[in-house]
PDB file of N, CA and C in Angstrom:
ATOM      1  N   UNK A   1      12.357   4.788  -4.741  1.00  0.00           N
ATOM      2  CA  UNK A   1      11.039   5.078  -4.224  1.00  0.00           C
ATOM      3  C   UNK A   1      11.185   5.884  -2.945  1.00  0.00           C
ATOM      4  N   UNK A   2      10.294   6.806  -2.756  1.00  0.00           N
ATOM      5  CA  UNK A   2      10.240   7.540  -1.501  1.00  0.00           C
ATOM      6  C   UNK A   2       8.904   7.254  -0.834  1.00  0.00           C
ATOM      7  N   UNK A   3       8.922   7.241   0.495  1.00  0.00           N
ATOM      8  CA  UNK A   3       7.728   6.986   1.302  1.00  0.00           C
ATOM      9  C   UNK A   3       7.555   8.171   2.228  1.00  0.00           C
ATOM     10  N   UNK A   4       6.404   8.804   2.123  1.00  0.00           N
ATOM     11  CA  UNK A   4       6.080   9.895   3.035  1.00  0.00           C
ATOM     12  C   UNK A   4       4.967   9.419   3.958  1.00  0.00           C
ATOM     13  N   UNK A   5       5.237   9.454   5.239  1.00  0.00           N
ATOM     14  CA  UNK A   5       4.273   8.972   6.241  1.00  0.00           C
ATOM     15  C   UNK A   5       3.657  10.139   6.983  1.00  0.00           C
ATOM     16  N   UNK A   6       2.345  10.140   7.077  1.00  0.00           N
ATOM     17  CA  UNK A   6       1.610  11.134   7.872  1.00  0.00           C
ATOM     18  C   UNK A   6       0.541  10.396   8.651  1.00  0.00           C
ATOM     19  N   UNK A   7      -0.017  11.075   9.616  1.00  0.00           N
ATOM     20  CA  UNK A   7      -1.130  10.510  10.355  1.00  0.00           C
ATOM     21  C   UNK A   7      -0.966  10.629  11.841  1.00  0.00           C
ATOM     22  N   UNK A   8      -2.093  10.407  12.517  1.00  0.00           N
ATOM     23  CA  UNK A   8      -2.122  10.427  13.974  1.00  0.00           C
ATOM     24  C   UNK A   8      -3.347   9.641  14.435  1.00  0.00           C
ATOM     25  N   UNK A   9      -3.374   9.358  15.721  1.00  0.00           N
ATOM     26  CA  UNK A   9      -4.498   8.641  16.331  1.00  0.00           C
ATOM     27  C   UNK A   9      -4.824   7.335  15.609  1.00  0.00           C
ATOM     28  N   UNK A  10      -3.808   6.608  15.188  1.00  0.00           N
ATOM     29  CA  UNK A  10      -4.018   5.310  14.563  1.00  0.00           C
ATOM     30  C   UNK A  10      -4.376   5.348  13.100  1.00  0.00           C
ATOM     31  N   UNK A  11      -4.494   6.546  12.524  1.00  0.00           N
ATOM     32  CA  UNK A  11      -4.782   6.685  11.084  1.00  0.00           C
ATOM     33  C   UNK A  11      -3.471   7.024  10.378  1.00  0.00           C
ATOM     34  N   UNK A  12      -2.941   6.066   9.639  1.00  0.00           N
ATOM     35  CA  UNK A  12      -1.642   6.206   8.986  1.00  0.00           C
ATOM     36  C   UNK A  12      -1.836   6.319   7.490  1.00  0.00           C
ATOM     37  N   UNK A  13      -1.133   7.276   6.882  1.00  0.00           N
ATOM     38  CA  UNK A  13      -1.162   7.459   5.418  1.00  0.00           C
ATOM     39  C   UNK A  13       0.272   7.328   4.916  1.00  0.00           C
ATOM     40  N   UNK A  14       0.475   6.424   3.959  1.00  0.00           N
ATOM     41  CA  UNK A  14       1.783   6.231   3.345  1.00  0.00           C
ATOM     42  C   UNK A  14       1.664   6.645   1.873  1.00  0.00           C
ATOM     43  N   UNK A  15       2.338   7.711   1.511  1.00  0.00           N
ATOM     44  CA  UNK A  15       2.353   8.179   0.117  1.00  0.00           C
ATOM     45  C   UNK A  15       3.627   7.662  -0.543  1.00  0.00           C
ATOM     46  N   UNK A  16       3.459   6.873  -1.602  1.00  0.00           N
ATOM     47  CA  UNK A  16       4.596   6.275  -2.291  1.00  0.00           C
ATOM     48  C   UNK A  16       4.853   7.010  -3.602  1.00  0.00           C
ATOM     49  N   UNK A  17       6.125   7.229  -3.890  1.00  0.00           N
ATOM     50  CA  UNK A  17       6.507   7.892  -5.138  1.00  0.00           C
ATOM     51  C   UNK A  17       7.618   7.097  -5.797  1.00  0.00           C
ATOM     52  N   UNK A  18       7.451   6.815  -7.096  1.00  0.00           N
ATOM     53  CA  UNK A  18       8.489   6.100  -7.833  1.00  0.00           C
ATOM     54  C   UNK A  18       8.039   4.687  -8.188  1.00  0.00           C
ATOM     55  N   UNK A  19       8.940   3.735  -7.986  1.00  0.00           N
ATOM     56  CA  UNK A  19       8.695   2.334  -8.363  1.00  0.00           C
ATOM     57  C   UNK A  19       8.716   1.443  -7.136  1.00  0.00           C
ATOM     58  N   UNK A  20       7.694   0.604  -7.014  1.00  0.00           N
ATOM     59  CA  UNK A  20       7.644  -0.381  -5.940  1.00  0.00           C
ATOM     60  C   UNK A  20       7.952  -1.739  -6.579  1.00  0.00           C
ATOM     61  N   UNK A  21       9.201  -2.163  -6.409  1.00  0.00           N
ATOM     62  CA  UNK A  21       9.662  -3.406  -7.052  1.00  0.00           C
ATOM     63  C   UNK A  21      10.566  -4.170  -6.085  1.00  0.00           C
ATOM     64  N   UNK A  22      11.272  -5.152  -6.580  1.00  0.00           N
ATOM     65  CA  UNK A  22      12.109  -5.993  -5.716  1.00  0.00           C
ATOM     66  C   UNK A  22      13.226  -5.220  -5.034  1.00  0.00           C
ATOM     67  N   UNK A  23      13.652  -4.131  -5.650  1.00  0.00           N
ATOM     68  CA  UNK A  23      14.719  -3.315  -5.055  1.00  0.00           C
ATOM     69  C   UNK A  23      14.182  -2.447  -3.910  1.00  0.00           C
ATOM     70  N   UNK A  24      12.978  -1.887  -4.094  1.00  0.00           N
ATOM     71  CA  UNK A  24      12.448  -0.940  -3.122  1.00  0.00           C
ATOM     72  C   UNK A  24      11.482  -1.576  -2.108  1.00  0.00           C
ATOM     73  N   UNK A  25      10.974  -2.768  -2.399  1.00  0.00           N
ATOM     74  CA  UNK A  25       9.999  -3.418  -1.509  1.00  0.00           C
ATOM     75  C   UNK A  25      10.527  -3.602  -0.074  1.00  0.00           C
ATOM     76  N   UNK A  26      11.806  -3.945   0.135  1.00  0.00           N
ATOM     77  CA  UNK A  26      12.278  -4.094   1.514  1.00  0.00           C
ATOM     78  C   UNK A  26      12.109  -2.816   2.349  1.00  0.00           C
ATOM     79  N   UNK A  27      12.267  -1.673   1.721  1.00  0.00           N
ATOM     80  CA  UNK A  27      12.103  -0.402   2.444  1.00  0.00           C
ATOM     81  C   UNK A  27      10.648  -0.255   2.906  1.00  0.00           C
ATOM     82  N   UNK A  28       9.700  -0.571   2.019  1.00  0.00           N
ATOM     83  CA  UNK A  28       8.298  -0.478   2.389  1.00  0.00           C
ATOM     84  C   UNK A  28       7.959  -1.529   3.438  1.00  0.00           C
ATOM     85  N   UNK A  29       8.505  -2.716   3.309  1.00  0.00           N
ATOM     86  CA  UNK A  29       8.228  -3.766   4.289  1.00  0.00           C
ATOM     87  C   UNK A  29       8.700  -3.359   5.681  1.00  0.00           C
ATOM     88  N   UNK A  30       9.856  -2.742   5.741  1.00  0.00           N
ATOM     89  CA  UNK A  30      10.386  -2.263   7.017  1.00  0.00           C
ATOM     90  C   UNK A  30       9.453  -1.208   7.620  1.00  0.00           C
ATOM     91  N   UNK A  31       8.961  -0.310   6.776  1.00  0.00           N
ATOM     92  CA  UNK A  31       8.046   0.741   7.250  1.00  0.00           C
ATOM     93  C   UNK A  31       6.736   0.119   7.711  1.00  0.00           C
ATOM     94  N   UNK A  32       6.218  -0.834   6.956  1.00  0.00           N
ATOM     95  CA  UNK A  32       4.965  -1.491   7.351  1.00  0.00           C
ATOM     96  C   UNK A  32       5.116  -2.207   8.677  1.00  0.00           C
ATOM     97  N   UNK A  33       6.239  -2.883   8.856  1.00  0.00           N
ATOM     98  CA  UNK A  33       6.472  -3.584  10.123  1.00  0.00           C
ATOM     99  C   UNK A  33       6.451  -2.634  11.302  1.00  0.00           C
ATOM    100  N   UNK A  34       6.868  -1.396  11.079  1.00  0.00           N
ATOM    101  CA  UNK A  34       6.902  -0.425  12.184  1.00  0.00           C
ATOM    102  C   UNK A  34       5.543   0.240  12.421  1.00  0.00           C
ATOM    103  N   UNK A  35       4.657   0.291  11.424  1.00  0.00           N
ATOM    104  CA  UNK A  35       3.385   0.990  11.609  1.00  0.00           C
ATOM    105  C   UNK A  35       2.176   0.087  11.801  1.00  0.00           C
ATOM    106  N   UNK A  36       2.256  -1.157  11.348  1.00  0.00           N
ATOM    107  CA  UNK A  36       1.066  -2.015  11.416  1.00  0.00           C
ATOM    108  C   UNK A  36       0.591  -2.266  12.849  1.00  0.00           C
ATOM    109  N   UNK A  37       1.489  -2.278  13.791  1.00  0.00           N
ATOM    110  CA  UNK A  37       1.089  -2.495  15.173  1.00  0.00           C
ATOM    111  C   UNK A  37       0.267  -1.364  15.761  1.00  0.00           C
ATOM    112  N   UNK A  38       0.520  -0.134  15.306  1.00  0.00           N
ATOM    113  CA  UNK A  38      -0.187   1.016  15.856  1.00  0.00           C
ATOM    114  C   UNK A  38      -1.339   1.503  14.970  1.00  0.00           C
ATOM    115  N   UNK A  39      -1.390   1.065  13.745  1.00  0.00           N
ATOM    116  CA  UNK A  39      -2.394   1.562  12.796  1.00  0.00           C
ATOM    117  C   UNK A  39      -3.760   0.938  13.043  1.00  0.00           C
ATOM    118  N   UNK A  40      -4.777   1.767  13.089  1.00  0.00           N
ATOM    119  CA  UNK A  40      -6.163   1.315  13.103  1.00  0.00           C
ATOM    120  C   UNK A  40      -6.766   1.452  11.711  1.00  0.00           C
ATOM    121  N   UNK A  41      -6.271   2.419  10.969  1.00  0.00           N
ATOM    122  CA  UNK A  41      -6.663   2.618   9.569  1.00  0.00           C
ATOM    123  C   UNK A  41      -5.388   2.912   8.789  1.00  0.00           C
ATOM    124  N   UNK A  42      -5.261   2.278   7.634  1.00  0.00           N
ATOM    125  CA  UNK A  42      -4.065   2.462   6.811  1.00  0.00           C
ATOM    126  C   UNK A  42      -4.502   2.885   5.423  1.00  0.00           C
ATOM    127  N   UNK A  43      -3.893   3.966   4.936  1.00  0.00           N
ATOM    128  CA  UNK A  43      -4.198   4.475   3.605  1.00  0.00           C
ATOM    129  C   UNK A  43      -2.902   4.570   2.821  1.00  0.00           C
ATOM    130  N   UNK A  44      -2.911   3.950   1.645  1.00  0.00           N
ATOM    131  CA  UNK A  44      -1.775   4.087   0.730  1.00  0.00           C
ATOM    132  C   UNK A  44      -2.181   5.112  -0.323  1.00  0.00           C
ATOM    133  N   UNK A  45      -1.341   6.137  -0.491  1.00  0.00           N
ATOM    134  CA  UNK A  45      -1.547   7.110  -1.557  1.00  0.00           C
ATOM    135  C   UNK A  45      -0.636   6.747  -2.698  1.00  0.00           C
ATOM    136  N   UNK A  46      -1.214   6.302  -3.813  1.00  0.00           N
ATOM    137  CA  UNK A  46      -0.446   5.880  -4.973  1.00  0.00           C
ATOM    138  C   UNK A  46      -0.432   6.941  -6.071  1.00  0.00           C
ATOM    139  N   UNK A  47      -0.739   8.168  -5.746  1.00  0.00           N
ATOM    140  CA  UNK A  47      -0.818   9.248  -6.729  1.00  0.00           C
ATOM    141  C   UNK A  47       0.459   9.454  -7.525  1.00  0.00           C
ATOM    142  N   UNK A  48       1.620   9.128  -6.925  1.00  0.00           N
ATOM    143  CA  UNK A  48       2.889   9.312  -7.617  1.00  0.00           C
ATOM    144  C   UNK A  48       3.637   7.993  -7.815  1.00  0.00           C
ATOM    145  N   UNK A  49       2.924   6.879  -7.625  1.00  0.00           N
ATOM    146  CA  UNK A  49       3.549   5.581  -7.859  1.00  0.00           C
ATOM    147  C   UNK A  49       3.482   5.258  -9.342  1.00  0.00           C
ATOM    148  N   UNK A  50       4.631   4.937  -9.920  1.00  0.00           N
ATOM    149  CA  UNK A  50       4.727   4.710 -11.367  1.00  0.00           C
ATOM    150  C   UNK A  50       4.615   3.245 -11.754  1.00  0.00           C
ATOM    151  N   UNK A  51       5.009   2.337 -10.843  1.00  0.00           N
ATOM    152  CA  UNK A  51       5.117   0.922 -11.193  1.00  0.00           C
ATOM    153  C   UNK A  51       5.007   0.101  -9.929  1.00  0.00           C
ATOM    154  N   UNK A  52       4.397  -1.093 -10.046  1.00  0.00           N
ATOM    155  CA  UNK A  52       4.355  -2.027  -8.951  1.00  0.00           C
ATOM    156  C   UNK A  52       4.628  -3.430  -9.475  1.00  0.00           C
ATOM    157  N   UNK A  53       5.519  -4.152  -8.806  1.00  0.00           N
ATOM    158  CA  UNK A  53       5.859  -5.525  -9.207  1.00  0.00           C
ATOM    159  C   UNK A  53       5.177  -6.496  -8.258  1.00  0.00           C
ATOM    160  N   UNK A  54       5.424  -7.775  -8.479  1.00  0.00           N
ATOM    161  CA  UNK A  54       4.860  -8.810  -7.612  1.00  0.00           C
ATOM    162  C   UNK A  54       5.349  -8.654  -6.180  1.00  0.00           C
ATOM    163  N   UNK A  55       6.538  -8.129  -6.005  1.00  0.00           N
ATOM    164  CA  UNK A  55       7.048  -7.888  -4.634  1.00  0.00           C
ATOM    165  C   UNK A  55       6.181  -6.853  -3.911  1.00  0.00           C
ATOM    166  N   UNK A  56       5.762  -5.835  -4.647  1.00  0.00           N
ATOM    167  CA  UNK A  56       4.878  -4.825  -4.085  1.00  0.00           C
ATOM    168  C   UNK A  56       3.492  -5.382  -3.810  1.00  0.00           C
ATOM    169  N   UNK A  57       3.004  -6.220  -4.705  1.00  0.00           N
ATOM    170  CA  UNK A  57       1.698  -6.844  -4.514  1.00  0.00           C
ATOM    171  C   UNK A  57       1.691  -7.715  -3.257  1.00  0.00           C
ATOM    172  N   UNK A  58       2.787  -8.425  -3.045  1.00  0.00           N
ATOM    173  CA  UNK A  58       2.912  -9.263  -1.852  1.00  0.00           C
ATOM    174  C   UNK A  58       2.802  -8.429  -0.575  1.00  0.00           C
ATOM    175  N   UNK A  59       3.435  -7.260  -0.575  1.00  0.00           N
ATOM    176  CA  UNK A  59       3.368  -6.399   0.599  1.00  0.00           C
ATOM    177  C   UNK A  59       1.964  -5.836   0.820  1.00  0.00           C
ATOM    178  N   UNK A  60       1.243  -5.551  -0.260  1.00  0.00           N
ATOM    179  CA  UNK A  60      -0.130  -5.089  -0.115  1.00  0.00           C
ATOM    180  C   UNK A  60      -1.005  -6.181   0.513  1.00  0.00           C
ATOM    181  N   UNK A  61      -0.773  -7.426   0.092  1.00  0.00           N
ATOM    182  CA  UNK A  61      -1.528  -8.532   0.687  1.00  0.00           C
ATOM    183  C   UNK A  61      -1.210  -8.683   2.157  1.00  0.00           C
ATOM    184  N   UNK A  62       0.051  -8.544   2.494  1.00  0.00           N
ATOM    185  CA  UNK A  62       0.472  -8.629   3.906  1.00  0.00           C
ATOM    186  C   UNK A  62      -0.219  -7.554   4.744  1.00  0.00           C
ATOM    187  N   UNK A  63      -0.198  -6.331   4.216  1.00  0.00           N
ATOM    188  CA  UNK A  63      -0.818  -5.209   4.932  1.00  0.00           C
ATOM    189  C   UNK A  63      -2.334  -5.408   5.026  1.00  0.00           C
ATOM    190  N   UNK A  64      -2.962  -5.848   3.946  1.00  0.00           N
ATOM    191  CA  UNK A  64      -4.411  -6.056   3.950  1.00  0.00           C
ATOM    192  C   UNK A  64      -4.791  -7.114   4.976  1.00  0.00           C
ATOM    193  N   UNK A  65      -4.039  -8.181   5.044  1.00  0.00           N
ATOM    194  CA  UNK A  65      -4.316  -9.248   5.999  1.00  0.00           C
ATOM    195  C   UNK A  65      -4.227  -8.718   7.440  1.00  0.00           C
ATOM    196  N   UNK A  66      -3.204  -7.938   7.714  1.00  0.00           N
ATOM    197  CA  UNK A  66      -3.038  -7.373   9.060  1.00  0.00           C
ATOM    198  C   UNK A  66      -4.144  -6.380   9.382  1.00  0.00           C
ATOM    199  N   UNK A  67      -4.548  -5.590   8.404  1.00  0.00           N
ATOM    200  CA  UNK A  67      -5.548  -4.557   8.646  1.00  0.00           C
ATOM    201  C   UNK A  67      -6.976  -5.097   8.655  1.00  0.00           C
ATOM    202  N   UNK A  68      -7.213  -6.261   8.096  1.00  0.00           N
ATOM    203  CA  UNK A  68      -8.557  -6.859   8.137  1.00  0.00           C
ATOM    204  C   UNK A  68      -9.030  -7.040   9.563  1.00  0.00           C
ATOM    205  N   UNK A  69      -8.118  -7.320  10.465  1.00  0.00           N
ATOM    206  CA  UNK A  69      -8.460  -7.518  11.869  1.00  0.00           C
ATOM    207  C   UNK A  69      -8.623  -6.201  12.615  1.00  0.00           C
ATOM    208  N   UNK A  70      -8.382  -5.096  11.933  1.00  0.00           N
ATOM    209  CA  UNK A  70      -8.450  -3.781  12.568  1.00  0.00           C
ATOM    210  C   UNK A  70      -9.480  -2.924  11.842  1.00  0.00           C
ATOM    211  N   UNK A  71      -9.171  -1.663  11.626  1.00  0.00           N
ATOM    212  CA  UNK A  71     -10.127  -0.728  11.039  1.00  0.00           C
ATOM    213  C   UNK A  71     -10.225  -0.787   9.529  1.00  0.00           C
ATOM    214  N   UNK A  72      -9.198  -1.274   8.852  1.00  0.00           N
ATOM    215  CA  UNK A  72      -9.269  -1.369   7.405  1.00  0.00           C
ATOM    216  C   UNK A  72      -8.121  -0.684   6.698  1.00  0.00           C
ATOM    217  N   UNK A  73      -8.080  -0.898   5.397  1.00  0.00           N
ATOM    218  CA  UNK A  73      -7.021  -0.357   4.553  1.00  0.00           C
ATOM    219  C   UNK A  73      -7.637   0.060   3.234  1.00  0.00           C
ATOM    220  N   UNK A  74      -7.143   1.178   2.692  1.00  0.00           N
ATOM    221  CA  UNK A  74      -7.603   1.622   1.390  1.00  0.00           C
ATOM    222  C   UNK A  74      -6.453   2.191   0.584  1.00  0.00           C
ATOM    223  N   UNK A  75      -6.661   2.245  -0.738  1.00  0.00           N
ATOM    224  CA  UNK A  75      -5.694   2.827  -1.648  1.00  0.00           C
ATOM    225  C   UNK A  75      -6.368   3.999  -2.353  1.00  0.00           C
ATOM    226  N   UNK A  76      -5.650   5.105  -2.468  1.00  0.00           N
ATOM    227  CA  UNK A  76      -6.176   6.271  -3.159  1.00  0.00           C
ATOM    228  C   UNK A  76      -5.171   6.726  -4.222  1.00  0.00           C
ATOM    229  N   UNK A  77      -5.668   7.442  -5.214  1.00  0.00           N
ATOM    230  CA  UNK A  77      -4.796   8.012  -6.248  1.00  0.00           C
ATOM    231  C   UNK A  77      -4.184   6.991  -7.179  1.00  0.00           C
ATOM    232  N   UNK A  78      -4.831   5.857  -7.368  1.00  0.00           N
ATOM    233  CA  UNK A  78      -4.275   4.789  -8.203  1.00  0.00           C
ATOM    234  C   UNK A  78      -4.430   5.182  -9.674  1.00  0.00           C
ATOM    235  N   UNK A  79      -3.301   5.233 -10.396  1.00  0.00           N
ATOM    236  CA  UNK A  79      -3.348   5.608 -11.816  1.00  0.00           C
ATOM    237  C   UNK A  79      -3.749   4.411 -12.686  1.00  0.00           C
ATOM    238  N   UNK A  80      -3.934   4.672 -13.962  1.00  0.00           N
ATOM    239  CA  UNK A  80      -4.409   3.635 -14.895  1.00  0.00           C
ATOM    240  C   UNK A  80      -3.440   2.459 -14.996  1.00  0.00           C
ATOM    241  N   UNK A  81      -2.144   2.738 -14.998  1.00  0.00           N
ATOM    242  CA  UNK A  81      -1.151   1.664 -15.136  1.00  0.00           C
ATOM    243  C   UNK A  81      -1.212   0.705 -13.941  1.00  0.00           C
ATOM    244  N   UNK A  82      -1.253   1.252 -12.732  1.00  0.00           N
ATOM    245  CA  UNK A  82      -1.315   0.433 -11.537  1.00  0.00           C
ATOM    246  C   UNK A  82      -2.664  -0.293 -11.471  1.00  0.00           C
ATOM    247  N   UNK A  83      -3.745   0.429 -11.833  1.00  0.00           N
ATOM    248  CA  UNK A  83      -5.075  -0.178 -11.802  1.00  0.00           C
ATOM    249  C   UNK A  83      -5.162  -1.378 -12.753  1.00  0.00           C
ATOM    250  N   UNK A  84      -4.486  -1.278 -13.871  1.00  0.00           N
ATOM    251  CA  UNK A  84      -4.473  -2.392 -14.824  1.00  0.00           C
ATOM    252  C   UNK A  84      -3.819  -3.622 -14.198  1.00  0.00           C
ATOM    253  N   UNK A  85      -2.730  -3.407 -13.458  1.00  0.00           N
ATOM    254  CA  UNK A  85      -2.073  -4.527 -12.754  1.00  0.00           C
ATOM    255  C   UNK A  85      -3.049  -5.134 -11.734  1.00  0.00           C
ATOM    256  N   UNK A  86      -3.738  -4.284 -11.001  1.00  0.00           N
ATOM    257  CA  UNK A  86      -4.718  -4.784 -10.017  1.00  0.00           C
ATOM    258  C   UNK A  86      -5.839  -5.562 -10.674  1.00  0.00           C
ATOM    259  N   UNK A  87      -6.286  -5.109 -11.827  1.00  0.00           N
ATOM    260  CA  UNK A  87      -7.373  -5.805 -12.532  1.00  0.00           C
ATOM    261  C   UNK A  87      -6.915  -7.149 -13.064  1.00  0.00           C
ATOM    262  N   UNK A  88      -5.727  -7.191 -13.660  1.00  0.00           N
ATOM    263  CA  UNK A  88      -5.194  -8.444 -14.208  1.00  0.00           C
ATOM    264  C   UNK A  88      -4.963  -9.482 -13.114  1.00  0.00           C
ATOM    265  N   UNK A  89      -4.494  -9.032 -11.956  1.00  0.00           N
ATOM    266  CA  UNK A  89      -4.149  -9.961 -10.866  1.00  0.00           C
ATOM    267  C   UNK A  89      -5.341 -10.277  -9.970  1.00  0.00           C
ATOM    268  N   UNK A  90      -6.458  -9.581 -10.158  1.00  0.00           N
ATOM    269  CA  UNK A  90      -7.616  -9.803  -9.307  1.00  0.00           C
ATOM    270  C   UNK A  90      -7.568  -9.035  -7.987  1.00  0.00           C
ATOM    271  N   UNK A  91      -6.604  -8.155  -7.830  1.00  0.00           N
ATOM    272  CA  UNK A  91      -6.479  -7.386  -6.597  1.00  0.00           C
ATOM    273  C   UNK A  91      -7.639  -6.391  -6.415  1.00  0.00           C
ATOM    274  N   UNK A  92      -8.324  -6.046  -7.515  1.00  0.00           N
ATOM    275  CA  UNK A  92      -9.477  -5.131  -7.389  1.00  0.00           C
ATOM    276  C   UNK A  92     -10.569  -5.766  -6.534  1.00  0.00           C
ATOM    277  N   UNK A  93     -10.590  -7.086  -6.462  1.00  0.00           N
ATOM    278  CA  UNK A  93     -11.599  -7.788  -5.660  1.00  0.00           C
ATOM    279  C   UNK A  93     -11.163  -7.936  -4.196  1.00  0.00           C
ATOM    280  N   UNK A  94      -9.894  -7.697  -3.922  1.00  0.00           N
ATOM    281  CA  UNK A  94      -9.345  -7.895  -2.577  1.00  0.00           C
ATOM    282  C   UNK A  94      -9.176  -6.562  -1.843  1.00  0.00           C
ATOM    283  N   UNK A  95      -8.740  -5.528  -2.585  1.00  0.00           N
ATOM    284  CA  UNK A  95      -8.393  -4.247  -1.996  1.00  0.00           C
ATOM    285  C   UNK A  95      -9.525  -3.225  -2.116  1.00  0.00           C
ATOM    286  N   UNK A  96      -9.550  -2.273  -1.193  1.00  0.00           N
ATOM    287  CA  UNK A  96     -10.464  -1.141  -1.282  1.00  0.00           C
ATOM    288  C   UNK A  96      -9.719  -0.029  -2.013  1.00  0.00           C
ATOM    289  N   UNK A  97     -10.190   0.273  -3.222  1.00  0.00           N
ATOM    290  CA  UNK A  97      -9.512   1.285  -4.055  1.00  0.00           C
ATOM    291  C   UNK A  97     -10.486   2.426  -4.291  1.00  0.00           C
ATOM    292  N   UNK A  98     -10.083   3.620  -3.906  1.00  0.00           N
ATOM    293  CA  UNK A  98     -10.933   4.805  -4.076  1.00  0.00           C
ATOM    294  C   UNK A  98     -10.401   5.696  -5.166  1.00  0.00           C
TER     295      UNK A  98
END
């Protein structure tokens, strides 16, 4: 998985490409730990994300919880495969998906 980070003035965008699973989740967790303190708005771009496992879902919950106390978090570019996982797990009711 690759993570491309852009943003300024507290608006952080993380574009993920590849698979977010138990192997790659620690890399995203490390990145989240470094940006959550400064982020006022967090956007995940899932346009090139192919797969998400429970390890990835856990990190999204962690980020959502942290961002609830701030400006918010949203997901963009979610494909049908990832959206199906969100629907089955009930994440569509928890996350802001555009």
